[in-house]
Amino acid sequence: MQFRVYYEDTDSTGLVYHSNYLKFCERARSEVFFKAGTTPQNDLGRFVIKNLQAEFIAPAFLGDCLQVKTQILELKKVSLDLKQEIFRQEQLLFRMYIKLAFIDLVKNKPSPIPQNFLEILHGF
């Protein structure tokens, strides 16, 4: 997913505020579902973050054009591990490893990822 850094994404110095890198990655994950005509949740459940590890490598600035690249590292019955990286052209700015689990909305417990979501996830 490609996007531009806007004023609202930055702090008073024109640098992207640290938490916005997580938002950019979330948007990239959601966009895969939106392009498939759905959202990353359904009547039965939703994805939640189990854990993440973030590495801030270089800053992004107001007006930069950035790209989020997402790679599935492991896809299991109820969870998936992803690597997401943010680039400005060829320069790596941010890297995150994240584990998502699919949670049953009623039982609030891990539940198998629906088949249609598995098909969408292969679009990463």
PDB file of N, CA and C in Angstrom:
ATOM      1  N   MET A   1       0.838  -1.171   0.000  1.00  0.00           N
ATOM      2  CA  MET A   1       0.000   0.000   0.000  1.00  0.00           C
ATOM      3  C   MET A   1       0.885   1.237   0.000  1.00  0.00           C
ATOM      4  N   GLN A   2       0.582   2.176  -0.883  1.00  0.00           N
ATOM      5  CA  GLN A   2       1.320   3.426  -0.951  1.00  0.00           C
ATOM      6  C   GLN A   2       0.450   4.564  -0.424  1.00  0.00           C
ATOM      7  N   PHE A   3       1.102   5.538   0.206  1.00  0.00           N
ATOM      8  CA  PHE A   3       0.387   6.686   0.743  1.00  0.00           C
ATOM      9  C   PHE A   3       1.364   7.827   0.972  1.00  0.00           C
ATOM     10  N   ARG A   4       0.820   9.004   1.212  1.00  0.00           N
ATOM     11  CA  ARG A   4       1.628  10.194   1.494  1.00  0.00           C
ATOM     12  C   ARG A   4       1.486  10.549   2.970  1.00  0.00           C
ATOM     13  N   VAL A   5       2.544  11.095   3.552  1.00  0.00           N
ATOM     14  CA  VAL A   5       2.525  11.568   4.937  1.00  0.00           C
ATOM     15  C   VAL A   5       1.925  12.970   4.958  1.00  0.00           C
ATOM     16  N   TYR A   6       0.871  13.134   5.755  1.00  0.00           N
ATOM     17  CA  TYR A   6       0.202  14.419   5.891  1.00  0.00           C
ATOM     18  C   TYR A   6       0.582  15.078   7.221  1.00  0.00           C
ATOM     19  N   TYR A   7       0.237  16.347   7.322  1.00  0.00           N
ATOM     20  CA  TYR A   7       0.549  17.126   8.516  1.00  0.00           C
ATOM     21  C   TYR A   7       0.039  16.432   9.781  1.00  0.00           C
ATOM     22  N   GLU A   8      -1.155  15.866   9.707  1.00  0.00           N
ATOM     23  CA  GLU A   8      -1.750  15.205  10.881  1.00  0.00           C
ATOM     24  C   GLU A   8      -0.954  13.984  11.346  1.00  0.00           C
ATOM     25  N   ASP A   9      -0.071  13.464  10.483  1.00  0.00           N
ATOM     26  CA  ASP A   9       0.741  12.294  10.820  1.00  0.00           C
ATOM     27  C   ASP A   9       2.028  12.657  11.557  1.00  0.00           C
ATOM     28  N   THR A  10       2.306  13.952  11.651  1.00  0.00           N
ATOM     29  CA  THR A  10       3.608  14.377  12.166  1.00  0.00           C
ATOM     30  C   THR A  10       3.502  15.072  13.525  1.00  0.00           C
ATOM     31  N   ASP A  11       4.664  15.207  14.155  1.00  0.00           N
ATOM     32  CA  ASP A  11       4.736  15.984  15.391  1.00  0.00           C
ATOM     33  C   ASP A  11       5.114  17.423  15.034  1.00  0.00           C
ATOM     34  N   SER A  12       5.440  18.223  16.007  1.00  0.00           N
ATOM     35  CA  SER A  12       5.715  19.644  15.770  1.00  0.00           C
ATOM     36  C   SER A  12       6.985  19.894  14.952  1.00  0.00           C
ATOM     37  N   THR A  13       7.823  18.876  14.799  1.00  0.00           N
ATOM     38  CA  THR A  13       9.063  19.044  14.027  1.00  0.00           C
ATOM     39  C   THR A  13       8.926  18.563  12.587  1.00  0.00           C
ATOM     40  N   GLY A  14       7.766  18.031  12.217  1.00  0.00           N
ATOM     41  CA  GLY A  14       7.572  17.534  10.857  1.00  0.00           C
ATOM     42  C   GLY A  14       7.948  16.077  10.677  1.00  0.00           C
ATOM     43  N   LEU A  15       8.301  15.402  11.777  1.00  0.00           N
ATOM     44  CA  LEU A  15       8.599  13.966  11.730  1.00  0.00           C
ATOM     45  C   LEU A  15       7.327  13.175  11.996  1.00  0.00           C
ATOM     46  N   VAL A  16       7.215  12.006  11.374  1.00  0.00           N
ATOM     47  CA  VAL A  16       6.062  11.142  11.646  1.00  0.00           C
ATOM     48  C   VAL A  16       6.116  10.709  13.103  1.00  0.00           C
ATOM     49  N   TYR A  17       5.007  10.899  13.794  1.00  0.00           N
ATOM     50  CA  TYR A  17       4.893  10.515  15.197  1.00  0.00           C
ATOM     51  C   TYR A  17       4.964   8.996  15.293  1.00  0.00           C
ATOM     52  N   HIS A  18       5.674   8.473  16.288  1.00  0.00           N
ATOM     53  CA  HIS A  18       6.014   7.053  16.359  1.00  0.00           C
ATOM     54  C   HIS A  18       4.805   6.122  16.275  1.00  0.00           C
ATOM     55  N   SER A  19       3.704   6.442  16.917  1.00  0.00           N
ATOM     56  CA  SER A  19       2.553   5.536  16.906  1.00  0.00           C
ATOM     57  C   SER A  19       1.885   5.454  15.536  1.00  0.00           C
ATOM     58  N   ASN A  20       2.137   6.436  14.689  1.00  0.00           N
ATOM     59  CA  ASN A  20       1.513   6.420  13.367  1.00  0.00           C
ATOM     60  C   ASN A  20       2.086   5.328  12.469  1.00  0.00           C
ATOM     61  N   TYR A  21       3.288   4.865  12.733  1.00  0.00           N
ATOM     62  CA  TYR A  21       3.829   3.751  11.955  1.00  0.00           C
ATOM     63  C   TYR A  21       2.956   2.512  12.155  1.00  0.00           C
ATOM     64  N   LEU A  22       2.473   2.327  13.389  1.00  0.00           N
ATOM     65  CA  LEU A  22       1.568   1.206  13.667  1.00  0.00           C
ATOM     66  C   LEU A  22       0.247   1.394  12.925  1.00  0.00           C
ATOM     67  N   LYS A  23      -0.251   2.626  12.879  1.00  0.00           N
ATOM     68  CA  LYS A  23      -1.482   2.911  12.142  1.00  0.00           C
ATOM     69  C   LYS A  23      -1.310   2.644  10.656  1.00  0.00           C
ATOM     70  N   PHE A  24      -0.176   3.038  10.105  1.00  0.00           N
ATOM     71  CA  PHE A  24       0.068   2.809   8.683  1.00  0.00           C
ATOM     72  C   PHE A  24       0.037   1.311   8.369  1.00  0.00           C
ATOM     73  N   CYS A  25       0.633   0.509   9.241  1.00  0.00           N
ATOM     74  CA  CYS A  25       0.632  -0.946   9.047  1.00  0.00           C
ATOM     75  C   CYS A  25      -0.777  -1.515   9.181  1.00  0.00           C
ATOM     76  N   GLU A  26      -1.526  -1.018  10.146  1.00  0.00           N
ATOM     77  CA  GLU A  26      -2.921  -1.459  10.321  1.00  0.00           C
ATOM     78  C   GLU A  26      -3.738  -1.145   9.077  1.00  0.00           C
ATOM     79  N   ARG A  27      -3.557   0.033   8.525  1.00  0.00           N
ATOM     80  CA  ARG A  27      -4.286   0.416   7.315  1.00  0.00           C
ATOM     81  C   ARG A  27      -3.938  -0.515   6.148  1.00  0.00           C
ATOM     82  N   ALA A  28      -2.680  -0.872   6.044  1.00  0.00           N
ATOM     83  CA  ALA A  28      -2.267  -1.774   4.957  1.00  0.00           C
ATOM     84  C   ALA A  28      -2.914  -3.149   5.118  1.00  0.00           C
ATOM     85  N   ARG A  29      -2.981  -3.648   6.354  1.00  0.00           N
ATOM     86  CA  ARG A  29      -3.636  -4.944   6.585  1.00  0.00           C
ATOM     87  C   ARG A  29      -5.121  -4.858   6.260  1.00  0.00           C
ATOM     88  N   SER A  30      -5.774  -3.798   6.704  1.00  0.00           N
ATOM     89  CA  SER A  30      -7.208  -3.629   6.452  1.00  0.00           C
ATOM     90  C   SER A  30      -7.501  -3.456   4.971  1.00  0.00           C
ATOM     91  N   GLU A  31      -6.633  -2.758   4.267  1.00  0.00           N
ATOM     92  CA  GLU A  31      -6.857  -2.476   2.847  1.00  0.00           C
ATOM     93  C   GLU A  31      -6.978  -3.750   2.012  1.00  0.00           C
ATOM     94  N   VAL A  32      -6.259  -4.787   2.397  1.00  0.00           N
ATOM     95  CA  VAL A  32      -6.359  -6.064   1.681  1.00  0.00           C
ATOM     96  C   VAL A  32      -7.792  -6.593   1.758  1.00  0.00           C
ATOM     97  N   PHE A  33      -8.409  -6.469   2.913  1.00  0.00           N
ATOM     98  CA  PHE A  33      -9.798  -6.913   3.084  1.00  0.00           C
ATOM     99  C   PHE A  33     -10.765  -5.986   2.349  1.00  0.00           C
ATOM    100  N   PHE A  34     -10.535  -4.673   2.430  1.00  0.00           N
ATOM    101  CA  PHE A  34     -11.410  -3.720   1.748  1.00  0.00           C
ATOM    102  C   PHE A  34     -11.408  -3.967   0.236  1.00  0.00           C
ATOM    103  N   LYS A  35     -10.240  -4.240  -0.326  1.00  0.00           N
ATOM    104  CA  LYS A  35     -10.142  -4.514  -1.767  1.00  0.00           C
ATOM    105  C   LYS A  35     -10.895  -5.781  -2.145  1.00  0.00           C
ATOM    106  N   ALA A  36     -11.047  -6.693  -1.182  1.00  0.00           N
ATOM    107  CA  ALA A  36     -11.793  -7.935  -1.421  1.00  0.00           C
ATOM    108  C   ALA A  36     -13.288  -7.751  -1.139  1.00  0.00           C
ATOM    109  N   GLY A  37     -13.707  -6.534  -0.806  1.00  0.00           N
ATOM    110  CA  GLY A  37     -15.114  -6.238  -0.591  1.00  0.00           C
ATOM    111  C   GLY A  37     -15.645  -6.576   0.784  1.00  0.00           C
ATOM    112  N   THR A  38     -14.765  -6.665   1.768  1.00  0.00           N
ATOM    113  CA  THR A  38     -15.187  -6.999   3.123  1.00  0.00           C
ATOM    114  C   THR A  38     -14.320  -6.236   4.122  1.00  0.00           C
ATOM    115  N   THR A  39     -14.460  -6.562   5.389  1.00  0.00           N
ATOM    116  CA  THR A  39     -13.640  -5.978   6.445  1.00  0.00           C
ATOM    117  C   THR A  39     -12.916  -7.118   7.176  1.00  0.00           C
ATOM    118  N   PRO A  40     -11.908  -6.805   7.985  1.00  0.00           N
ATOM    119  CA  PRO A  40     -11.179  -7.861   8.704  1.00  0.00           C
ATOM    120  C   PRO A  40     -11.910  -8.345   9.957  1.00  0.00           C
ATOM    121  N   GLN A  41     -13.221  -8.340   9.900  1.00  0.00           N
ATOM    122  CA  GLN A  41     -14.051  -8.895  10.979  1.00  0.00           C
ATOM    123  C   GLN A  41     -15.360  -9.347  10.355  1.00  0.00           C
ATOM    124  N   ASN A  42     -16.068 -10.211  11.056  1.00  0.00           N
ATOM    125  CA  ASN A  42     -17.391 -10.638  10.595  1.00  0.00           C
ATOM    126  C   ASN A  42     -18.296 -10.821  11.810  1.00  0.00           C
ATOM    127  N   ASP A  43     -19.473 -11.394  11.596  1.00  0.00           N
ATOM    128  CA  ASP A  43     -20.424 -11.568  12.708  1.00  0.00           C
ATOM    129  C   ASP A  43     -19.916 -12.545  13.766  1.00  0.00           C
ATOM    130  N   LEU A  44     -18.955 -13.384  13.392  1.00  0.00           N
ATOM    131  CA  LEU A  44     -18.457 -14.406  14.312  1.00  0.00           C
ATOM    132  C   LEU A  44     -17.216 -13.976  15.088  1.00  0.00           C
ATOM    133  N   GLY A  45     -16.389 -13.155  14.470  1.00  0.00           N
ATOM    134  CA  GLY A  45     -15.145 -12.822  15.149  1.00  0.00           C
ATOM    135  C   GLY A  45     -14.366 -11.703  14.495  1.00  0.00           C
ATOM    136  N   ARG A  46     -13.182 -11.475  15.043  1.00  0.00           N
ATOM    137  CA  ARG A  46     -12.309 -10.403  14.563  1.00  0.00           C
ATOM    138  C   ARG A  46     -10.859 -10.751  14.897  1.00  0.00           C
ATOM    139  N   PHE A  47      -9.960 -10.076  14.223  1.00  0.00           N
ATOM    140  CA  PHE A  47      -8.543 -10.220  14.523  1.00  0.00           C
ATOM    141  C   PHE A  47      -8.151  -9.284  15.660  1.00  0.00           C
ATOM    142  N   VAL A  48      -7.311  -9.781  16.540  1.00  0.00           N
ATOM    143  CA  VAL A  48      -6.741  -8.964  17.603  1.00  0.00           C
ATOM    144  C   VAL A  48      -5.225  -9.164  17.602  1.00  0.00           C
ATOM    145  N   ILE A  49      -4.528  -8.190  18.121  1.00  0.00           N
ATOM    146  CA  ILE A  49      -3.069  -8.288  18.213  1.00  0.00           C
ATOM    147  C   ILE A  49      -2.705  -9.068  19.462  1.00  0.00           C
ATOM    148  N   LYS A  50      -1.930 -10.128  19.271  1.00  0.00           N
ATOM    149  CA  LYS A  50      -1.431 -10.900  20.412  1.00  0.00           C
ATOM    150  C   LYS A  50      -0.118 -10.306  20.897  1.00  0.00           C
ATOM    151  N   ASN A  51       0.778 -10.002  19.962  1.00  0.00           N
ATOM    152  CA  ASN A  51       2.017  -9.318  20.318  1.00  0.00           C
ATOM    153  C   ASN A  51       2.626  -8.689  19.083  1.00  0.00           C
ATOM    154  N   LEU A  52       3.546  -7.753  19.322  1.00  0.00           N
ATOM    155  CA  LEU A  52       4.281  -7.139  18.220  1.00  0.00           C
ATOM    156  C   LEU A  52       5.633  -6.665  18.693  1.00  0.00           C
ATOM    157  N   GLN A  53       6.526  -6.587  17.736  1.00  0.00           N
ATOM    158  CA  GLN A  53       7.870  -6.068  17.977  1.00  0.00           C
ATOM    159  C   GLN A  53       8.137  -5.043  16.879  1.00  0.00           C
ATOM    160  N   ALA A  54       8.468  -3.827  17.261  1.00  0.00           N
ATOM    161  CA  ALA A  54       8.665  -2.752  16.301  1.00  0.00           C
ATOM    162  C   ALA A  54      10.100  -2.248  16.342  1.00  0.00           C
ATOM    163  N   GLU A  55      10.612  -1.923  15.163  1.00  0.00           N
ATOM    164  CA  GLU A  55      11.960  -1.381  15.039  1.00  0.00           C
ATOM    165  C   GLU A  55      11.886  -0.098  14.205  1.00  0.00           C
ATOM    166  N   PHE A  56      12.256   1.019  14.814  1.00  0.00           N
ATOM    167  CA  PHE A  56      12.267   2.308  14.141  1.00  0.00           C
ATOM    168  C   PHE A  56      13.676   2.526  13.599  1.00  0.00           C
ATOM    169  N   ILE A  57      13.815   2.562  12.277  1.00  0.00           N
ATOM    170  CA  ILE A  57      15.137   2.573  11.647  1.00  0.00           C
ATOM    171  C   ILE A  57      15.548   3.971  11.200  1.00  0.00           C
ATOM    172  N   ALA A  58      14.627   4.682  10.542  1.00  0.00           N
ATOM    173  CA  ALA A  58      14.900   6.042  10.073  1.00  0.00           C
ATOM    174  C   ALA A  58      13.578   6.804  10.058  1.00  0.00           C
ATOM    175  N   PRO A  59      13.632   8.132  10.195  1.00  0.00           N
ATOM    176  CA  PRO A  59      12.381   8.892  10.259  1.00  0.00           C
ATOM    177  C   PRO A  59      11.738   9.105   8.890  1.00  0.00           C
ATOM    178  N   ALA A  60      10.420   9.274   8.915  1.00  0.00           N
ATOM    179  CA  ALA A  60       9.665   9.729   7.751  1.00  0.00           C
ATOM    180  C   ALA A  60       9.250  11.164   8.027  1.00  0.00           C
ATOM    181  N   PHE A  61       9.061  11.933   6.965  1.00  0.00           N
ATOM    182  CA  PHE A  61       8.805  13.364   7.094  1.00  0.00           C
ATOM    183  C   PHE A  61       7.521  13.771   6.373  1.00  0.00           C
ATOM    184  N   LEU A  62       7.007  14.910   6.755  1.00  0.00           N
ATOM    185  CA  LEU A  62       5.851  15.507   6.115  1.00  0.00           C
ATOM    186  C   LEU A  62       6.054  15.533   4.596  1.00  0.00           C
ATOM    187  N   GLY A  63       5.068  15.019   3.863  1.00  0.00           N
ATOM    188  CA  GLY A  63       5.128  15.012   2.406  1.00  0.00           C
ATOM    189  C   GLY A  63       5.755  13.781   1.783  1.00  0.00           C
ATOM    190  N   ASP A  64       6.412  12.939   2.582  1.00  0.00           N
ATOM    191  CA  ASP A  64       7.025  11.725   2.034  1.00  0.00           C
ATOM    192  C   ASP A  64       5.968  10.808   1.428  1.00  0.00           C
ATOM    193  N   CYS A  65       6.337  10.123   0.370  1.00  0.00           N
ATOM    194  CA  CYS A  65       5.525   9.037  -0.185  1.00  0.00           C
ATOM    195  C   CYS A  65       6.103   7.734   0.352  1.00  0.00           C
ATOM    196  N   LEU A  66       5.275   6.973   1.046  1.00  0.00           N
ATOM    197  CA  LEU A  66       5.729   5.755   1.710  1.00  0.00           C
ATOM    198  C   LEU A  66       4.996   4.541   1.154  1.00  0.00           C
ATOM    199  N   GLN A  67       5.591   3.389   1.364  1.00  0.00           N
ATOM    200  CA  GLN A  67       4.966   2.135   0.973  1.00  0.00           C
ATOM    201  C   GLN A  67       5.090   1.145   2.117  1.00  0.00           C
ATOM    202  N   VAL A  68       3.966   0.483   2.441  1.00  0.00           N
ATOM    203  CA  VAL A  68       3.966  -0.590   3.433  1.00  0.00           C
ATOM    204  C   VAL A  68       3.961  -1.914   2.684  1.00  0.00           C
ATOM    205  N   LYS A  69       4.927  -2.757   3.009  1.00  0.00           N
ATOM    206  CA  LYS A  69       4.996  -4.104   2.436  1.00  0.00           C
ATOM    207  C   LYS A  69       4.711  -5.103   3.560  1.00  0.00           C
ATOM    208  N   THR A  70       3.837  -6.049   3.268  1.00  0.00           N
ATOM    209  CA  THR A  70       3.431  -7.037   4.259  1.00  0.00           C
ATOM    210  C   THR A  70       3.738  -8.422   3.754  1.00  0.00           C
ATOM    211  N   GLN A  71       4.302  -9.241   4.628  1.00  0.00           N
ATOM    212  CA  GLN A  71       4.641 -10.622   4.290  1.00  0.00           C
ATOM    213  C   GLN A  71       4.120 -11.539   5.393  1.00  0.00           C
ATOM    214  N   ILE A  72       3.415 -12.602   4.990  1.00  0.00           N
ATOM    215  CA  ILE A  72       3.000 -13.619   5.958  1.00  0.00           C
ATOM    216  C   ILE A  72       4.190 -14.513   6.251  1.00  0.00           C
ATOM    217  N   LEU A  73       4.546 -14.625   7.510  1.00  0.00           N
ATOM    218  CA  LEU A  73       5.643 -15.503   7.922  1.00  0.00           C
ATOM    219  C   LEU A  73       5.118 -16.889   8.300  1.00  0.00           C
ATOM    220  N   GLU A  74       3.944 -16.917   8.940  1.00  0.00           N
ATOM    221  CA  GLU A  74       3.345 -18.189   9.335  1.00  0.00           C
ATOM    222  C   GLU A  74       1.840 -18.003   9.456  1.00  0.00           C
ATOM    223  N   LEU A  75       1.097 -18.943   8.897  1.00  0.00           N
ATOM    224  CA  LEU A  75      -0.355 -18.912   8.962  1.00  0.00           C
ATOM    225  C   LEU A  75      -0.817 -20.205   9.604  1.00  0.00           C
ATOM    226  N   LYS A  76      -1.451 -20.067  10.771  1.00  0.00           N
ATOM    227  CA  LYS A  76      -1.935 -21.227  11.520  1.00  0.00           C
ATOM    228  C   LYS A  76      -3.460 -21.226  11.521  1.00  0.00           C
ATOM    229  N   LYS A  77      -4.044 -22.167  12.235  1.00  0.00           N
ATOM    230  CA  LYS A  77      -5.496 -22.316  12.278  1.00  0.00           C
ATOM    231  C   LYS A  77      -6.190 -21.080  12.855  1.00  0.00           C
ATOM    232  N   VAL A  78      -5.663 -20.508  13.941  1.00  0.00           N
ATOM    233  CA  VAL A  78      -6.315 -19.371  14.603  1.00  0.00           C
ATOM    234  C   VAL A  78      -5.451 -18.105  14.628  1.00  0.00           C
ATOM    235  N   SER A  79      -4.233 -18.161  14.074  1.00  0.00           N
ATOM    236  CA  SER A  79      -3.355 -16.992  14.153  1.00  0.00           C
ATOM    237  C   SER A  79      -2.464 -16.894  12.926  1.00  0.00           C
ATOM    238  N   LEU A  80      -1.845 -15.735  12.789  1.00  0.00           N
ATOM    239  CA  LEU A  80      -0.864 -15.539  11.735  1.00  0.00           C
ATOM    240  C   LEU A  80       0.208 -14.588  12.213  1.00  0.00           C
ATOM    241  N   ASP A  81       1.417 -14.824  11.710  1.00  0.00           N
ATOM    242  CA  ASP A  81       2.564 -13.973  12.000  1.00  0.00           C
ATOM    243  C   ASP A  81       2.907 -13.225  10.725  1.00  0.00           C
ATOM    244  N   LEU A  82       3.083 -11.915  10.863  1.00  0.00           N
ATOM    245  CA  LEU A  82       3.395 -11.065   9.723  1.00  0.00           C
ATOM    246  C   LEU A  82       4.665 -10.276   9.972  1.00  0.00           C
ATOM    247  N   LYS A  83       5.332  -9.940   8.881  1.00  0.00           N
ATOM    248  CA  LYS A  83       6.388  -8.927   8.906  1.00  0.00           C
ATOM    249  C   LYS A  83       5.871  -7.780   8.052  1.00  0.00           C
ATOM    250  N   GLN A  84       5.880  -6.569   8.609  1.00  0.00           N
ATOM    251  CA  GLN A  84       5.481  -5.398   7.860  1.00  0.00           C
ATOM    252  C   GLN A  84       6.620  -4.398   7.882  1.00  0.00           C
ATOM    253  N   GLU A  85       6.911  -3.849   6.713  1.00  0.00           N
ATOM    254  CA  GLU A  85       7.991  -2.878   6.582  1.00  0.00           C
ATOM    255  C   GLU A  85       7.472  -1.646   5.858  1.00  0.00           C
ATOM    256  N   ILE A  86       7.984  -0.494   6.270  1.00  0.00           N
ATOM    257  CA  ILE A  86       7.629   0.760   5.631  1.00  0.00           C
ATOM    258  C   ILE A  86       8.884   1.325   4.961  1.00  0.00           C
ATOM    259  N   PHE A  87       8.722   1.680   3.692  1.00  0.00           N
ATOM    260  CA  PHE A  87       9.823   2.193   2.887  1.00  0.00           C
ATOM    261  C   PHE A  87       9.508   3.584   2.357  1.00  0.00           C
ATOM    262  N   ARG A  88      10.552   4.385   2.194  1.00  0.00           N
ATOM    263  CA  ARG A  88      10.511   5.610   1.391  1.00  0.00           C
ATOM    264  C   ARG A  88      11.417   5.308   0.219  1.00  0.00           C
ATOM    265  N   GLN A  89      10.827   5.123  -0.948  1.00  0.00           N
ATOM    266  CA  GLN A  89      11.520   4.602  -2.119  1.00  0.00           C
ATOM    267  C   GLN A  89      12.159   3.274  -1.725  1.00  0.00           C
ATOM    268  N   GLU A  90      13.458   3.162  -1.758  1.00  0.00           N
ATOM    269  CA  GLU A  90      14.120   1.904  -1.404  1.00  0.00           C
ATOM    270  C   GLU A  90      14.629   1.881   0.036  1.00  0.00           C
ATOM    271  N   GLN A  91      14.491   2.992   0.751  1.00  0.00           N
ATOM    272  CA  GLN A  91      15.031   3.082   2.115  1.00  0.00           C
ATOM    273  C   GLN A  91      14.039   2.520   3.130  1.00  0.00           C
ATOM    274  N   LEU A  92      14.502   1.539   3.890  1.00  0.00           N
ATOM    275  CA  LEU A  92      13.698   0.954   4.958  1.00  0.00           C
ATOM    276  C   LEU A  92      13.661   1.910   6.149  1.00  0.00           C
ATOM    277  N   LEU A  93      12.426   2.266   6.584  1.00  0.00           N
ATOM    278  CA  LEU A  93      12.260   3.195   7.697  1.00  0.00           C
ATOM    279  C   LEU A  93      11.790   2.510   8.974  1.00  0.00           C
ATOM    280  N   PHE A  94      11.002   1.450   8.814  1.00  0.00           N
ATOM    281  CA  PHE A  94      10.337   0.836   9.958  1.00  0.00           C
ATOM    282  C   PHE A  94      10.093  -0.632   9.649  1.00  0.00           C
ATOM    283  N   ARG A  95      10.235  -1.472  10.681  1.00  0.00           N
ATOM    284  CA  ARG A  95       9.956  -2.905  10.544  1.00  0.00           C
ATOM    285  C   ARG A  95       9.185  -3.360  11.771  1.00  0.00           C
ATOM    286  N   MET A  96       8.181  -4.204  11.528  1.00  0.00           N
ATOM    287  CA  MET A  96       7.376  -4.714  12.630  1.00  0.00           C
ATOM    288  C   MET A  96       7.072  -6.183  12.392  1.00  0.00           C
ATOM    289  N   TYR A  97       7.180  -6.959  13.458  1.00  0.00           N
ATOM    290  CA  TYR A  97       6.718  -8.347  13.469  1.00  0.00           C
ATOM    291  C   TYR A  97       5.485  -8.371  14.360  1.00  0.00           C
ATOM    292  N   ILE A  98       4.405  -8.947  13.850  1.00  0.00           N
ATOM    293  CA  ILE A  98       3.148  -8.913  14.581  1.00  0.00           C
ATOM    294  C   ILE A  98       2.450 -10.259  14.487  1.00  0.00           C
ATOM    295  N   LYS A  99       1.881 -10.692  15.607  1.00  0.00           N
ATOM    296  CA  LYS A  99       1.070 -11.906  15.653  1.00  0.00           C
ATOM    297  C   LYS A  99      -0.372 -11.482  15.871  1.00  0.00           C
ATOM    298  N   LEU A 100      -1.244 -11.913  14.966  1.00  0.00           N
ATOM    299  CA  LEU A 100      -2.671 -11.653  15.068  1.00  0.00           C
ATOM    300  C   LEU A 100      -3.386 -12.963  15.345  1.00  0.00           C
ATOM    301  N   ALA A 101      -4.393 -12.909  16.175  1.00  0.00           N
ATOM    302  CA  ALA A 101      -5.222 -14.080  16.455  1.00  0.00           C
ATOM    303  C   ALA A 101      -6.658 -13.735  16.092  1.00  0.00           C
ATOM    304  N   PHE A 102      -7.402 -14.744  15.634  1.00  0.00           N
ATOM    305  CA  PHE A 102      -8.822 -14.540  15.349  1.00  0.00           C
ATOM    306  C   PHE A 102      -9.597 -14.948  16.588  1.00  0.00           C
ATOM    307  N   ILE A 103     -10.440 -14.044  17.083  1.00  0.00           N
ATOM    308  CA  ILE A 103     -11.158 -14.235  18.339  1.00  0.00           C
ATOM    309  C   ILE A 103     -12.658 -14.341  18.081  1.00  0.00           C
ATOM    310  N   ASP A 104     -13.289 -15.341  18.680  1.00  0.00           N
ATOM    311  CA  ASP A 104     -14.741 -15.501  18.647  1.00  0.00           C
ATOM    312  C   ASP A 104     -15.368 -14.370  19.460  1.00  0.00           C
ATOM    313  N   LEU A 105     -16.315 -13.649  18.861  1.00  0.00           N
ATOM    314  CA  LEU A 105     -16.921 -12.499  19.541  1.00  0.00           C
ATOM    315  C   LEU A 105     -17.778 -12.892  20.734  1.00  0.00           C
ATOM    316  N   VAL A 106     -18.418 -14.045  20.681  1.00  0.00           N
ATOM    317  CA  VAL A 106     -19.299 -14.468  21.769  1.00  0.00           C
ATOM    318  C   VAL A 106     -18.499 -15.061  22.922  1.00  0.00           C
ATOM    319  N   LYS A 107     -17.616 -15.994  22.620  1.00  0.00           N
ATOM    320  CA  LYS A 107     -16.842 -16.680  23.659  1.00  0.00           C
ATOM    321  C   LYS A 107     -15.597 -15.905  24.086  1.00  0.00           C
ATOM    322  N   ASN A 108     -15.207 -14.931  23.264  1.00  0.00           N
ATOM    323  CA  ASN A 108     -13.993 -14.158  23.514  1.00  0.00           C
ATOM    324  C   ASN A 108     -12.777 -15.065  23.678  1.00  0.00           C
ATOM    325  N   LYS A 109     -12.707 -16.076  22.806  1.00  0.00           N
ATOM    326  CA  LYS A 109     -11.603 -17.037  22.802  1.00  0.00           C
ATOM    327  C   LYS A 109     -11.122 -17.229  21.370  1.00  0.00           C
ATOM    328  N   PRO A 110      -9.885 -17.711  21.202  1.00  0.00           N
ATOM    329  CA  PRO A 110      -9.401 -17.976  19.852  1.00  0.00           C
ATOM    330  C   PRO A 110     -10.340 -18.909  19.087  1.00  0.00           C
ATOM    331  N   SER A 111     -10.477 -18.612  17.800  1.00  0.00           N
ATOM    332  CA  SER A 111     -11.379 -19.355  16.929  1.00  0.00           C
ATOM    333  C   SER A 111     -10.697 -19.530  15.576  1.00  0.00           C
ATOM    334  N   PRO A 112     -11.016 -20.592  14.842  1.00  0.00           N
ATOM    335  CA  PRO A 112     -10.401 -20.769  13.518  1.00  0.00           C
ATOM    336  C   PRO A 112     -10.677 -19.571  12.593  1.00  0.00           C
ATOM    337  N   ILE A 113      -9.672 -19.175  11.852  1.00  0.00           N
ATOM    338  CA  ILE A 113      -9.820 -18.103  10.875  1.00  0.00           C
ATOM    339  C   ILE A 113     -10.762 -18.596   9.782  1.00  0.00           C
ATOM    340  N   PRO A 114     -11.820 -17.832   9.465  1.00  0.00           N
ATOM    341  CA  PRO A 114     -12.768 -18.263   8.431  1.00  0.00           C
ATOM    342  C   PRO A 114     -12.083 -18.500   7.081  1.00  0.00           C
ATOM    343  N   GLN A 115     -12.599 -19.449   6.327  1.00  0.00           N
ATOM    344  CA  GLN A 115     -12.008 -19.821   5.050  1.00  0.00           C
ATOM    345  C   GLN A 115     -11.902 -18.629   4.092  1.00  0.00           C
ATOM    346  N   ASN A 116     -12.956 -17.803   4.026  1.00  0.00           N
ATOM    347  CA  ASN A 116     -12.889 -16.659   3.104  1.00  0.00           C
ATOM    348  C   ASN A 116     -11.799 -15.669   3.527  1.00  0.00           C
ATOM    349  N   PHE A 117     -11.521 -15.554   4.825  1.00  0.00           N
ATOM    350  CA  PHE A 117     -10.440 -14.688   5.289  1.00  0.00           C
ATOM    351  C   PHE A 117      -9.080 -15.303   4.929  1.00  0.00           C
ATOM    352  N   LEU A 118      -8.971 -16.622   5.019  1.00  0.00           N
ATOM    353  CA  LEU A 118      -7.715 -17.284   4.628  1.00  0.00           C
ATOM    354  C   LEU A 118      -7.406 -17.011   3.168  1.00  0.00           C
ATOM    355  N   GLU A 119      -8.425 -17.050   2.329  1.00  0.00           N
ATOM    356  CA  GLU A 119      -8.239 -16.773   0.900  1.00  0.00           C
ATOM    357  C   GLU A 119      -7.773 -15.337   0.694  1.00  0.00           C
ATOM    358  N   ILE A 120      -8.339 -14.397   1.432  1.00  0.00           N
ATOM    359  CA  ILE A 120      -7.950 -12.996   1.331  1.00  0.00           C
ATOM    360  C   ILE A 120      -6.518 -12.810   1.820  1.00  0.00           C
ATOM    361  N   LEU A 121      -6.169 -13.471   2.906  1.00  0.00           N
ATOM    362  CA  LEU A 121      -4.821 -13.337   3.469  1.00  0.00           C
ATOM    363  C   LEU A 121      -3.739 -13.792   2.501  1.00  0.00           C
ATOM    364  N   HIS A 122      -4.059 -14.719   1.647  1.00  0.00           N
ATOM    365  CA  HIS A 122      -3.063 -15.154   0.651  1.00  0.00           C
ATOM    366  C   HIS A 122      -2.779 -14.050  -0.365  1.00  0.00           C
ATOM    367  N   GLY A 123      -3.564 -12.956  -0.301  1.00  0.00           N
ATOM    368  CA  GLY A 123      -3.316 -11.800  -1.165  1.00  0.00           C
ATOM    369  C   GLY A 123      -2.157 -10.931  -0.716  1.00  0.00           C
ATOM    370  N   PHE A 124      -1.653 -11.171   0.493  1.00  0.00           N
ATOM    371  CA  PHE A 124      -0.476 -10.414   0.947  1.00  0.00           C
ATOM    372  C   PHE A 124       0.692 -10.859   0.112  1.00  0.00           C
TER     373      PHE A 124
END
